Amino acid sequence: MTNHDDVPPDAGIRFASDAIDRVTDAAESYCSHESDRIALVNEPRINVLQTEGKHLTERRSRLAERLGAMTPQGDLRRSKLEGWYYGAVGALLSLAAFAFVLYGFDPFRLGAIGKVFCAGIALVTPFLVDEFLKAWKAESVAKVMVTVAFAAALAGGMFLADVRGDLLAHTVTDASPAVVIDDGGDATPASTSRKPSFYESTAIPLQILTILFTLAIDLGAGIAFHRARTVCATCADEREIITRELAVVDQRLAGVVFELTALQNAPAVFAARFWRDFNRTVATKSVGHVATKGVRLFVLGYTLLWPSCSRAQDRMNLVAALDLSTSEKIVGTQAKSAYARNVDGIAHLLANAPPGAHVTVIGITKDSIADPVPILSAELSLDVGYFGERLATGRVQLVRAWRSRTAHLAPSEHGTDILGAIRVAGELFRKESRFGSRVLAIFSDMRNATPALNLETAQSKLVDAIAAFAAQKQITDLSGVTVYVAGANGGGNDMGHWQAVKGFWEAYFERAGARLAGYSILPSAPALLH
C-alpha cells in the first residue's frame, strides 16, 4: 500500500516543471540542428552568389568609369568639334608622313605603284598606334606613348635648330677670294686647305632629326586618330547604351544581395518562426484545455475569485536569498544536498509568483555586502491573459531562467553572512517603493558564520546579542516586510541549539519591524505566498 505521507507536497509542480524542461530542451535541440542543416544546405548557393556579386561589382565599376569619362550630354557640340579637331590633326600628320615617305622613295622612281606603297607606309603606323591603344585600354600606356612622341618631337626640334645654326655659321664664314689671277703670275696662291661644306657637316643631324620627326609624326597621327575616335564614342547613343547596361547590372546586383541576405538569414528566420509557433501552440493548447472544462465553470470561478483578482493589483516585491556556503553541502536521506533542495524550493516559489511580481534572487556569501551575488531579477506581467495563459507562460519562463542560472552554481563560500544579505534585501525594498507587498524568503540553515556573529556553535545568550546589534544600529529596517525562512536545518546540532538560533532570528526580525510568517526546516514552505 502506498504511503501518501512519503509523497512530496509539490510533486505535481516538480513533475510539471521537469516535463516542461524536457520538452523545451528537446525543442531547443531540434531547432539548433535544423538551423545548422539549413545553413549547410544554403552554403553552396551563398558561395555562388558571392562570386557572382563580385563579378557584377567589378563590371559595374568599369561601366561607371566609362560613363564618367564620357562628355556630359550638354557638351555634345563641343565634343564633336573636339573630335573634328583631332581628326584634322591626324589627317595632316598622316599627309606629312606620306610626304616624308614619298620623298624618301623618290630617287627610286617607282611610279604610281610606289605612291600607293608610300601611302600604305604612311598610314600603317597611325592605324596600329590606334589599335594598340584600343587593345590595352590603359591610360598609362597612352601617357607613355604621348611622352615618347613629345620627346622625339622635342629632340628633333633641337637637331633642326643645330642644322639652322650650321647654316648661319657657313653663311658668315664662307667668303669668296678678293681676286683671282688667271695668268699664273706671282700672286699668292689660294690656300690648299679645304673646309667641309654645309651639306657634309649637317648630314648626320639631318638624318637624326628625320628619324625623330618621323617617329613623332607617326605616333602623333595615331594618337590623334585614337583621340578623335574616343571623343566620337561619347555620343548620346553610346551613353544611352551604357546607362541601360548599368541599370541592368544594378538590378541583377540588387537581386543577388536580396537572395544572399535571405539565405544567410534563413537559419535565424526558421528559429524565430519555430519558437513563435511553439509558444502559440502551447498557449492554444492551454486555452483549449480550459475551454473543455466549460465556459460556465470559468465564469463562475472568475466571479468567485473576483476579490482575489482585485487584490492582485497590489503588486509584490519578492526578494529570495539562497545560501551558497559550504555548510549546505550536507546530503540528506533523499540523496540530495541541502543546497539542491533549496534550489528546488526557490523554483517552487517562482512557480507560484503572483501577477505583476518583481522577483530578485541574491546569494548569501561569506561577505554578502562587499561581495553580493545577484542571481536572477525578473518581473511578471500584470496581464494574466484571458484564460490565465500569460501568467502560466511567464511562470514557466521564470522557472526555466532560474534553472539555467543555477546550473553552474555550487555552495563554495567558506562563511555565511546572512545579516549582510538581509541588509542587501532592505536596500532592494527601499529602491522599489512602487510595490505594496514586500516579501523576503531566506533559504538557508540560518547559521550565520562571520566574525561579528557566529551561530555555528551553541551560545546561551543569543537573544542578548540583539540589544548590542540594536545599539550599534546593525539591525536592518524591514518595516512592512513579510519574512519566510525555509531550509533552516540544524546541521547536525541538537534541538536546543536549533531552538536558540530560531529564537535569535525571531527577536531580530521583531526588532527589524518585519513579520516572520514562517520558519521551517523544510526547503519549501507550503504556506509560502498563500
Protein backbone atom coordinates (compact mmCIF):
# COMPACT_ATOMS: atom_id res chain seq x y z
CA MET A 1 0.00 0.00 0.00
CA THR A 2 1.29 3.43 -0.91
CA ASN A 3 2.23 5.73 1.93
CA HIS A 4 0.92 9.13 0.91
CA ASP A 5 2.98 10.82 3.61
CA ASP A 6 6.14 9.98 1.62
CA VAL A 7 4.88 11.90 -1.44
CA PRO A 8 6.31 15.44 -1.53
CA PRO A 9 3.60 18.12 -1.35
CA ASP A 10 4.92 19.75 -4.51
CA ALA A 11 5.24 16.53 -6.53
CA GLY A 12 2.82 17.78 -9.18
CA ILE A 13 4.71 21.03 -9.58
CA ARG A 14 8.03 19.22 -9.84
CA PHE A 15 6.65 16.78 -12.40
CA ALA A 16 5.18 19.60 -14.49
CA SER A 17 8.40 21.62 -14.24
CA ASP A 18 10.54 18.63 -15.29
CA ALA A 19 8.18 17.84 -18.15
CA ILE A 20 8.29 21.42 -19.40
CA ASP A 21 12.08 21.47 -19.12
CA ARG A 22 12.39 18.24 -21.12
CA VAL A 23 10.02 19.42 -23.85
CA THR A 24 11.80 22.76 -24.03
CA ASP A 25 15.23 21.10 -24.18
CA ALA A 26 14.04 18.79 -26.97
CA ALA A 27 12.60 21.75 -28.87
CA GLU A 28 15.84 23.72 -28.48
CA SER A 29 17.87 20.73 -29.70
CA TYR A 30 15.63 20.27 -32.76
CA CYS A 31 15.70 23.98 -33.55
CA SER A 32 19.50 24.10 -33.27
CA HIS A 33 20.08 21.07 -35.50
CA GLU A 34 17.58 22.24 -38.12
CA SER A 35 19.19 25.69 -38.20
CA ASP A 36 22.60 24.06 -38.76
CA ARG A 37 21.15 21.91 -41.56
CA ILE A 38 19.64 24.94 -43.29
CA ALA A 39 22.97 26.79 -43.05
CA LEU A 40 24.86 23.86 -44.61
CA VAL A 41 22.30 23.46 -47.42
CA ASN A 42 22.46 27.18 -48.26
CA GLU A 43 26.26 27.42 -48.14
CA PRO A 44 26.95 26.34 -51.80
CA ARG A 45 24.38 28.79 -53.18
CA ILE A 46 25.78 31.53 -50.93
CA ASN A 47 29.27 30.94 -52.36
CA VAL A 48 27.92 31.13 -55.94
CA LEU A 49 26.07 34.36 -55.19
CA GLN A 50 29.12 35.89 -53.54
CA THR A 51 31.22 35.12 -56.64
CA GLU A 52 28.54 36.50 -58.95
CA GLY A 53 28.21 39.59 -56.80
CA LYS A 54 31.96 40.17 -57.00
CA HIS A 55 31.91 39.97 -60.82
CA LEU A 56 28.87 42.24 -61.02
CA THR A 57 30.54 44.78 -58.75
CA GLU A 58 33.66 44.83 -60.93
CA ARG A 59 31.55 45.16 -64.08
CA ARG A 60 29.56 47.99 -62.56
CA SER A 61 32.78 49.80 -61.65
CA ARG A 62 34.02 49.55 -65.23
CA LEU A 63 30.72 50.82 -66.65
CA ALA A 64 30.62 53.68 -64.18
CA GLU A 65 34.20 54.57 -65.11
CA ARG A 66 33.35 54.61 -68.81
CA LEU A 67 30.25 56.67 -68.19
CA GLY A 68 32.19 59.12 -66.06
CA ALA A 69 34.86 59.51 -68.75
CA MET A 70 32.27 60.47 -71.34
CA THR A 71 31.44 64.05 -72.14
CA PRO A 72 28.24 65.27 -70.49
CA GLN A 73 25.21 65.36 -72.77
CA GLY A 74 25.08 69.14 -72.61
CA ASP A 75 28.58 69.36 -74.16
CA LEU A 76 27.99 67.18 -77.24
CA ARG A 77 28.57 70.05 -79.61
CA ARG A 78 31.92 70.82 -78.06
CA SER A 79 32.71 67.09 -78.12
CA LYS A 80 32.05 66.93 -81.87
CA LEU A 81 34.26 69.95 -82.51
CA GLU A 82 36.99 68.34 -80.45
CA GLY A 83 36.64 65.15 -82.48
CA TRP A 84 36.91 67.08 -85.76
CA TYR A 85 40.00 68.84 -84.41
CA TYR A 86 41.77 65.58 -83.56
CA GLY A 87 40.73 64.09 -86.90
CA ALA A 88 42.12 67.08 -88.84
CA VAL A 89 45.39 66.94 -86.92
CA GLY A 90 45.70 63.21 -87.61
CA ALA A 91 44.98 63.73 -91.30
CA LEU A 92 47.60 66.49 -91.61
CA LEU A 93 50.18 64.39 -89.78
CA SER A 94 49.38 61.40 -91.99
CA LEU A 95 49.79 63.64 -95.05
CA ALA A 96 53.14 64.82 -93.70
CA ALA A 97 54.18 61.21 -93.12
CA PHE A 98 53.14 60.39 -96.71
CA ALA A 99 55.29 63.30 -97.96
CA PHE A 100 58.24 62.03 -95.93
CA VAL A 101 57.89 58.53 -97.37
CA LEU A 102 57.33 59.82 -100.89
CA TYR A 103 60.43 61.99 -100.63
CA GLY A 104 62.43 59.03 -99.40
CA PHE A 105 61.40 56.79 -102.30
CA ASP A 106 61.51 59.50 -104.97
CA PRO A 107 65.10 58.70 -106.17
CA PHE A 108 64.00 55.15 -106.96
CA ARG A 109 61.35 56.37 -109.44
CA LEU A 110 58.78 53.68 -108.62
CA GLY A 111 55.98 55.47 -110.39
CA ALA A 112 52.31 55.16 -109.48
CA ILE A 113 52.79 51.84 -107.70
CA GLY A 114 55.41 53.41 -105.49
CA LYS A 115 52.99 56.19 -104.48
CA VAL A 116 50.41 53.60 -103.36
CA PHE A 117 53.14 51.83 -101.40
CA CYS A 118 54.16 55.13 -99.81
CA ALA A 119 50.55 55.84 -98.80
CA GLY A 120 50.33 52.45 -97.08
CA ILE A 121 53.57 53.07 -95.19
CA ALA A 122 52.32 56.49 -94.09
CA LEU A 123 49.01 55.09 -92.76
CA VAL A 124 50.06 51.78 -91.21
CA THR A 125 51.84 53.28 -88.18
CA PRO A 126 48.97 55.64 -87.11
CA PHE A 127 46.48 52.79 -87.62
CA LEU A 128 48.49 50.37 -85.49
CA VAL A 129 49.02 53.00 -82.79
CA ASP A 130 45.25 53.49 -82.56
CA GLU A 131 44.65 49.72 -82.39
CA PHE A 132 47.39 49.35 -79.79
CA LEU A 133 45.78 51.92 -77.51
CA LYS A 134 42.36 50.40 -78.14
CA ALA A 135 43.58 46.90 -77.20
CA TRP A 136 45.31 47.91 -73.98
CA LYS A 137 42.62 50.33 -72.79
CA ALA A 138 45.03 51.81 -70.28
CA GLU A 139 45.55 55.49 -69.73
CA SER A 140 49.10 54.81 -68.56
CA VAL A 141 50.03 53.30 -71.96
CA ALA A 142 48.63 56.36 -73.73
CA LYS A 143 50.61 58.59 -71.40
CA VAL A 144 53.83 56.72 -72.18
CA MET A 145 53.20 56.95 -75.94
CA VAL A 146 52.45 60.68 -75.76
CA THR A 147 55.60 61.15 -73.71
CA VAL A 148 57.70 59.30 -76.32
CA ALA A 149 56.22 61.34 -79.20
CA PHE A 150 56.77 64.56 -77.27
CA ALA A 151 60.39 63.63 -76.53
CA ALA A 152 61.01 62.69 -80.18
CA ALA A 153 59.50 65.96 -81.43
CA LEU A 154 61.46 67.98 -78.89
CA ALA A 155 64.74 66.23 -79.73
CA GLY A 156 64.05 66.59 -83.47
CA GLY A 157 63.44 70.30 -82.96
CA MET A 158 66.77 70.57 -81.17
CA PHE A 159 68.60 68.87 -84.03
CA LEU A 160 66.79 71.13 -86.50
CA ALA A 161 67.99 74.12 -84.50
CA ASP A 162 71.52 72.73 -84.75
CA VAL A 163 71.21 72.50 -88.55
CA ARG A 164 69.96 76.09 -88.69
CA GLY A 165 72.96 77.12 -86.61
CA ASP A 166 75.37 75.43 -89.02
CA LEU A 167 73.67 77.17 -91.91
CA LEU A 168 74.17 80.55 -90.25
CA ALA A 169 77.82 79.78 -89.49
CA HIS A 170 78.57 78.83 -93.06
CA THR A 171 76.89 81.98 -94.31
CA VAL A 172 79.06 84.18 -92.12
CA THR A 173 82.45 82.47 -92.59
CA ASP A 174 82.26 81.31 -96.22
CA ALA A 175 83.67 84.42 -98.14
CA SER A 176 84.90 84.39 -101.78
CA PRO A 177 88.60 85.49 -102.50
CA ALA A 178 89.10 89.17 -103.31
CA VAL A 179 90.90 88.50 -106.66
CA VAL A 180 91.56 85.54 -108.82
CA ILE A 181 94.65 85.69 -111.12
CA ASP A 182 94.37 83.67 -114.23
CA ASP A 183 97.91 84.04 -115.80
CA GLY A 184 99.76 82.14 -113.08
CA GLY A 185 101.91 85.17 -112.01
CA ASP A 186 103.37 85.93 -108.63
CA ALA A 187 100.08 86.37 -106.91
CA THR A 188 99.78 84.46 -103.68
CA PRO A 189 98.23 81.13 -104.47
CA ALA A 190 94.93 80.22 -102.86
CA SER A 191 95.08 78.15 -99.75
CA THR A 192 95.12 74.50 -100.42
CA SER A 193 93.22 73.62 -97.14
CA ARG A 194 89.58 72.69 -97.72
CA LYS A 195 86.75 73.09 -95.21
CA PRO A 196 83.81 70.70 -95.23
CA SER A 197 80.74 72.00 -96.99
CA PHE A 198 77.44 72.81 -95.26
CA TYR A 199 75.82 69.66 -96.53
CA GLU A 200 78.64 67.47 -95.32
CA SER A 201 78.62 68.93 -91.80
CA THR A 202 74.82 68.65 -91.38
CA ALA A 203 74.30 65.21 -92.87
CA ILE A 204 74.23 63.33 -89.56
CA PRO A 205 71.98 65.84 -87.70
CA LEU A 206 69.61 65.81 -90.66
CA GLN A 207 69.41 62.01 -90.52
CA ILE A 208 68.72 62.02 -86.79
CA LEU A 209 66.10 64.79 -86.92
CA THR A 210 64.42 63.00 -89.84
CA ILE A 211 64.18 59.82 -87.75
CA LEU A 212 62.89 61.67 -84.70
CA PHE A 213 60.33 63.72 -86.61
CA THR A 214 59.14 60.63 -88.46
CA LEU A 215 58.62 58.88 -85.12
CA ALA A 216 56.86 61.91 -83.67
CA ILE A 217 54.65 62.36 -86.76
CA ASP A 218 53.62 58.68 -86.90
CA LEU A 219 52.90 58.47 -83.16
CA GLY A 220 51.18 61.84 -83.18
CA ALA A 221 48.95 60.83 -86.08
CA GLY A 222 47.98 57.56 -84.32
CA ILE A 223 47.27 59.32 -81.02
CA ALA A 224 45.22 61.99 -82.82
CA PHE A 225 43.08 59.36 -84.58
CA HIS A 226 42.64 57.49 -81.29
CA ARG A 227 41.52 60.67 -79.52
CA ALA A 228 39.14 61.50 -82.35
CA ARG A 229 37.58 58.04 -82.24
CA THR A 230 37.33 58.12 -78.41
CA VAL A 231 35.68 61.54 -78.43
CA CYS A 232 33.24 60.46 -81.12
CA ALA A 233 32.36 57.45 -78.99
CA THR A 234 30.86 59.75 -76.38
CA CYS A 235 27.79 60.39 -78.46
CA ALA A 236 24.33 60.14 -76.96
CA ASP A 237 23.65 56.67 -78.38
CA GLU A 238 26.58 55.01 -76.63
CA ARG A 239 25.84 56.89 -73.43
CA GLU A 240 22.30 55.56 -73.54
CA ILE A 241 23.56 52.02 -74.14
CA ILE A 242 25.97 52.16 -71.22
CA THR A 243 23.29 53.71 -68.98
CA ARG A 244 20.84 50.90 -69.79
CA GLU A 245 23.54 48.27 -69.24
CA LEU A 246 24.44 49.84 -65.92
CA ALA A 247 20.78 49.75 -64.86
CA VAL A 248 20.58 46.03 -65.74
CA VAL A 249 23.73 45.33 -63.73
CA ASP A 250 22.35 47.28 -60.73
CA GLN A 251 19.08 45.37 -60.89
CA ARG A 252 20.83 42.00 -61.00
CA LEU A 253 23.20 43.06 -58.22
CA ALA A 254 20.22 44.05 -56.04
CA GLY A 255 18.67 40.62 -56.70
CA VAL A 256 21.91 38.90 -55.70
CA VAL A 257 22.12 40.92 -52.48
CA PHE A 258 18.47 40.13 -51.65
CA GLU A 259 18.86 36.38 -52.25
CA LEU A 260 22.20 36.26 -50.43
CA THR A 261 20.73 38.04 -47.39
CA ALA A 262 17.71 35.73 -47.39
CA LEU A 263 19.92 32.61 -47.49
CA GLN A 264 22.19 33.89 -44.73
CA ASN A 265 19.22 34.79 -42.52
CA ALA A 266 17.35 31.54 -43.22
CA PRO A 267 18.53 29.75 -40.02
CA ALA A 268 17.56 32.71 -37.83
CA VAL A 269 14.22 33.06 -39.62
CA PHE A 270 13.48 29.38 -39.07
CA ALA A 271 14.37 29.63 -35.36
CA ALA A 272 12.16 32.69 -34.87
CA ARG A 273 9.22 31.05 -36.71
CA PHE A 274 9.72 27.80 -34.78
CA TRP A 275 9.61 29.43 -31.35
CA ARG A 276 6.69 31.62 -32.39
CA ASP A 277 4.68 28.55 -33.41
CA PHE A 278 5.85 26.64 -30.35
CA ASN A 279 4.71 29.29 -27.87
CA ARG A 280 1.48 29.91 -29.77
CA THR A 281 0.70 26.19 -29.74
CA VAL A 282 1.37 25.96 -26.01
CA ALA A 283 -0.93 28.90 -25.38
CA THR A 284 -3.61 27.49 -27.74
CA LYS A 285 -3.50 24.09 -26.10
CA SER A 286 -3.82 25.70 -22.68
CA VAL A 287 -6.82 27.69 -23.88
CA GLY A 288 -8.38 24.58 -25.42
CA HIS A 289 -7.90 22.63 -22.20
CA VAL A 290 -9.58 25.32 -20.18
CA ALA A 291 -12.40 25.56 -22.72
CA THR A 292 -13.16 21.86 -22.36
CA LYS A 293 -13.85 22.39 -18.68
CA GLY A 294 -16.77 24.59 -19.66
CA VAL A 295 -17.26 28.27 -20.12
CA ARG A 296 -19.80 28.39 -17.32
CA LEU A 297 -17.37 26.92 -14.81
CA PHE A 298 -14.80 29.54 -15.84
CA VAL A 299 -17.29 32.38 -15.45
CA LEU A 300 -18.38 31.06 -12.05
CA GLY A 301 -14.80 30.68 -10.83
CA TYR A 302 -13.86 34.11 -12.14
CA THR A 303 -16.85 35.59 -10.30
CA LEU A 304 -15.94 33.84 -7.06
CA LEU A 305 -12.30 34.85 -7.33
CA TRP A 306 -13.01 38.46 -8.22
CA PRO A 307 -11.89 39.80 -4.81
CA SER A 308 -8.57 37.97 -5.10
CA CYS A 309 -8.17 39.27 -8.65
CA SER A 310 -8.65 42.77 -7.36
CA ARG A 311 -6.06 42.18 -4.68
CA ALA A 312 -3.61 41.05 -7.38
CA GLN A 313 -3.27 44.69 -8.33
CA ASP A 314 -1.36 45.10 -5.05
CA ARG A 315 1.92 44.08 -6.64
CA MET A 316 4.54 42.13 -4.73
CA ASN A 317 8.25 42.81 -4.43
CA LEU A 318 9.72 39.38 -3.71
CA VAL A 319 13.37 39.00 -2.67
CA ALA A 320 14.78 35.50 -2.15
CA ALA A 321 18.18 34.73 -0.63
CA LEU A 322 19.99 31.42 -1.42
CA ASP A 323 22.72 30.19 0.92
CA LEU A 324 25.94 29.49 -1.06
CA SER A 325 28.09 28.42 1.91
CA THR A 326 29.78 25.02 2.16
CA SER A 327 27.54 24.08 5.09
CA GLU A 328 24.75 23.49 2.55
CA LYS A 329 26.64 20.56 1.01
CA ILE A 330 25.15 18.16 3.56
CA VAL A 331 23.40 15.31 1.72
CA GLY A 332 20.19 14.01 3.26
CA THR A 333 18.32 10.71 3.01
CA GLN A 334 16.88 11.68 -0.39
CA ALA A 335 20.42 11.72 -1.91
CA LYS A 336 20.09 15.47 -2.34
CA SER A 337 22.14 18.14 -0.66
CA ALA A 338 20.52 20.91 1.34
CA TYR A 339 21.64 23.32 -1.37
CA ALA A 340 19.88 21.33 -4.12
CA ARG A 341 16.69 21.20 -2.04
CA ASN A 342 16.87 24.95 -1.54
CA VAL A 343 17.23 25.43 -5.30
CA ASP A 344 14.09 23.32 -5.81
CA GLY A 345 12.32 25.30 -3.11
CA ILE A 346 13.02 28.60 -4.89
CA ALA A 347 11.81 27.02 -8.14
CA HIS A 348 8.55 26.17 -6.34
CA LEU A 349 8.43 29.74 -5.06
CA LEU A 350 8.85 31.19 -8.57
CA ALA A 351 6.27 28.81 -10.00
CA ASN A 352 3.68 30.38 -7.67
CA ALA A 353 4.69 34.03 -8.01
CA PRO A 354 1.63 36.30 -8.31
CA PRO A 355 0.90 38.51 -11.36
CA GLY A 356 2.97 41.69 -11.55
CA ALA A 357 5.50 40.40 -9.01
CA HIS A 358 9.06 41.73 -9.14
CA VAL A 359 11.40 38.84 -8.27
CA THR A 360 15.03 39.19 -7.18
CA VAL A 361 17.22 36.27 -6.06
CA ILE A 362 20.55 37.02 -4.36
CA GLY A 363 23.27 34.76 -2.99
CA ILE A 364 24.38 34.54 0.62
CA THR A 365 28.19 34.60 0.65
CA LYS A 366 30.88 34.96 3.30
CA ASP A 367 30.58 38.75 2.89
CA SER A 368 27.21 39.44 1.29
CA ILE A 369 27.61 43.23 1.38
CA ALA A 370 31.13 43.52 -0.02
CA ASP A 371 30.63 40.63 -2.47
CA PRO A 372 26.92 40.48 -3.42
CA VAL A 373 25.91 37.77 -5.88
CA PRO A 374 22.81 38.71 -7.92
CA ILE A 375 21.45 35.51 -9.44
CA LEU A 376 18.12 36.46 -11.02
CA SER A 377 15.98 39.56 -11.48
CA ALA A 378 12.66 39.46 -13.32
CA GLU A 379 9.16 40.92 -13.31
CA LEU A 380 5.92 39.13 -14.21
CA SER A 381 3.31 40.92 -16.29
CA LEU A 382 0.12 42.14 -14.61
CA ASP A 383 -1.84 40.85 -17.63
CA VAL A 384 -2.60 37.23 -16.74
CA GLY A 385 -4.33 36.60 -20.07
CA TYR A 386 -7.94 35.83 -20.83
CA PHE A 387 -7.60 32.27 -19.53
CA GLY A 388 -4.51 32.81 -17.38
CA GLU A 389 -2.22 31.59 -20.16
CA ARG A 390 0.11 34.60 -19.99
CA LEU A 391 0.70 34.12 -16.26
CA ALA A 392 1.33 30.39 -16.75
CA THR A 393 3.80 31.06 -19.58
CA GLY A 394 5.58 33.73 -17.55
CA ARG A 395 5.96 31.41 -14.57
CA VAL A 396 7.34 28.64 -16.78
CA GLN A 397 9.88 31.02 -18.33
CA LEU A 398 10.82 32.29 -14.85
CA VAL A 399 11.49 28.75 -13.58
CA ARG A 400 13.43 27.95 -16.75
CA ALA A 401 15.62 31.02 -16.26
CA TRP A 402 16.20 30.05 -12.62
CA ARG A 403 17.29 26.53 -13.57
CA SER A 404 19.64 27.97 -16.19
CA ARG A 405 21.21 30.47 -13.78
CA THR A 406 21.82 27.87 -11.05
CA ALA A 407 23.17 25.16 -13.37
CA HIS A 408 26.75 26.33 -12.77
CA LEU A 409 26.40 27.50 -9.16
CA ALA A 410 27.72 25.50 -6.20
CA PRO A 411 27.89 26.04 -2.42
CA SER A 412 31.56 27.05 -2.20
CA GLU A 413 31.60 30.01 0.23
CA HIS A 414 33.62 29.50 3.44
CA GLY A 415 31.36 31.63 5.59
CA THR A 416 27.71 32.66 5.88
CA ASP A 417 26.81 36.36 6.03
CA ILE A 418 23.02 36.24 6.44
CA LEU A 419 22.94 39.66 8.13
CA GLY A 420 24.64 41.20 5.09
CA ALA A 421 22.15 39.54 2.72
CA ILE A 422 19.28 40.93 4.80
CA ARG A 423 20.80 44.42 4.51
CA VAL A 424 21.05 44.00 0.72
CA ALA A 425 17.40 42.92 0.66
CA GLY A 426 16.45 46.02 2.66
CA GLU A 427 18.17 48.21 0.08
CA LEU A 428 16.26 46.43 -2.70
CA PHE A 429 12.96 47.06 -0.90
CA ARG A 430 13.75 50.76 -0.47
CA LYS A 431 14.82 51.05 -4.09
CA GLU A 432 11.48 49.66 -5.36
CA SER A 433 8.90 51.65 -3.39
CA ARG A 434 6.14 51.22 -6.01
CA PHE A 435 5.17 47.77 -4.70
CA GLY A 436 2.61 47.46 -1.95
CA SER A 437 3.58 43.98 -0.75
CA ARG A 438 7.14 43.10 0.23
CA VAL A 439 8.25 39.52 0.92
CA LEU A 440 11.68 38.21 1.94
CA ALA A 441 12.28 34.46 1.56
CA ILE A 442 15.54 33.11 3.02
CA PHE A 443 16.63 29.59 2.02
CA SER A 444 19.42 28.82 4.48
CA ASP A 445 20.32 26.85 7.58
CA MET A 446 20.35 30.31 9.26
CA ARG A 447 23.67 29.61 10.98
CA ASN A 448 25.38 32.96 10.42
CA ALA A 449 29.17 32.50 10.41
CA THR A 450 31.02 35.81 10.41
CA PRO A 451 33.47 37.44 12.86
CA ALA A 452 30.65 39.68 14.09
CA LEU A 453 28.18 36.80 14.71
CA ASN A 454 28.91 33.07 14.66
CA LEU A 455 25.85 30.84 15.09
CA GLU A 456 27.67 27.62 14.18
CA THR A 457 28.30 26.86 17.84
CA ALA A 458 25.81 26.95 20.71
CA GLN A 459 25.52 30.24 22.55
CA SER A 460 23.43 30.67 25.68
CA LYS A 461 22.81 34.38 25.34
CA LEU A 462 22.00 34.80 21.65
CA VAL A 463 18.99 36.98 22.44
CA ASP A 464 21.18 39.35 24.40
CA ALA A 465 23.20 39.94 21.22
CA ILE A 466 20.15 41.62 19.69
CA ALA A 467 20.43 44.54 22.09
CA ALA A 468 24.08 45.00 21.12
CA PHE A 469 23.17 44.97 17.40
CA ALA A 470 20.40 47.49 18.03
CA ALA A 471 22.74 49.76 19.95
CA GLN A 472 25.24 49.62 17.09
CA LYS A 473 22.46 50.24 14.53
CA GLN A 474 23.25 46.98 12.75
CA ILE A 475 19.64 45.83 12.50
CA THR A 476 18.19 46.43 9.05
CA ASP A 477 14.87 48.27 8.86
CA LEU A 478 12.35 45.77 7.44
CA SER A 479 9.15 47.61 8.33
CA GLY A 480 6.18 46.13 6.49
CA VAL A 481 8.19 43.15 5.18
CA THR A 482 6.91 39.59 5.50
CA VAL A 483 9.73 37.10 6.10
CA TYR A 484 9.74 33.35 5.36
CA VAL A 485 12.63 31.13 6.38
CA ALA A 486 12.99 27.73 4.67
CA GLY A 487 15.62 25.01 4.91
CA ALA A 488 16.64 26.04 8.45
CA ASN A 489 18.09 22.64 9.38
CA GLY A 490 20.16 22.08 12.50
CA GLY A 491 23.26 20.97 10.64
CA GLY A 492 23.75 18.02 12.99
CA ASN A 493 23.40 20.02 16.20
CA ASP A 494 20.92 19.24 18.95
CA MET A 495 17.40 20.63 19.17
CA GLY A 496 18.40 23.09 21.88
CA HIS A 497 20.88 24.77 19.58
CA TRP A 498 18.27 24.88 16.78
CA GLN A 499 15.75 26.48 19.13
CA ALA A 500 18.36 29.05 20.24
CA VAL A 501 19.14 30.02 16.63
CA LYS A 502 15.43 30.28 15.85
CA GLY A 503 14.86 32.45 18.92
CA PHE A 504 17.67 34.78 17.81
CA TRP A 505 16.13 35.32 14.39
CA GLU A 506 12.63 35.77 15.83
CA ALA A 507 13.98 38.51 18.06
CA TYR A 508 16.00 40.03 15.22
CA PHE A 509 13.07 40.28 12.80
CA GLU A 510 10.85 41.66 15.57
CA ARG A 511 13.38 44.40 16.22
CA ALA A 512 13.64 44.99 12.43
CA GLY A 513 9.88 45.62 12.20
CA ALA A 514 9.24 42.58 9.98
CA ARG A 515 6.63 39.85 10.33
CA LEU A 516 8.13 36.37 10.50
CA ALA A 517 5.39 34.35 8.81
CA GLY A 518 7.24 31.04 8.67
CA TYR A 519 10.39 29.38 9.99
CA SER A 520 10.65 25.84 8.65
CA ILE A 521 13.23 23.10 8.43
CA LEU A 522 11.72 22.08 5.08
CA PRO A 523 13.25 23.70 1.99
CA SER A 524 9.82 24.66 0.65
CA ALA A 525 7.21 26.07 2.97
CA PRO A 526 3.68 25.04 1.80
CA ALA A 527 2.16 28.25 3.12
CA LEU A 528 4.67 30.45 1.30
CA LEU A 529 2.95 33.31 -0.58
CA HIS A 530 -0.50 31.99 0.29
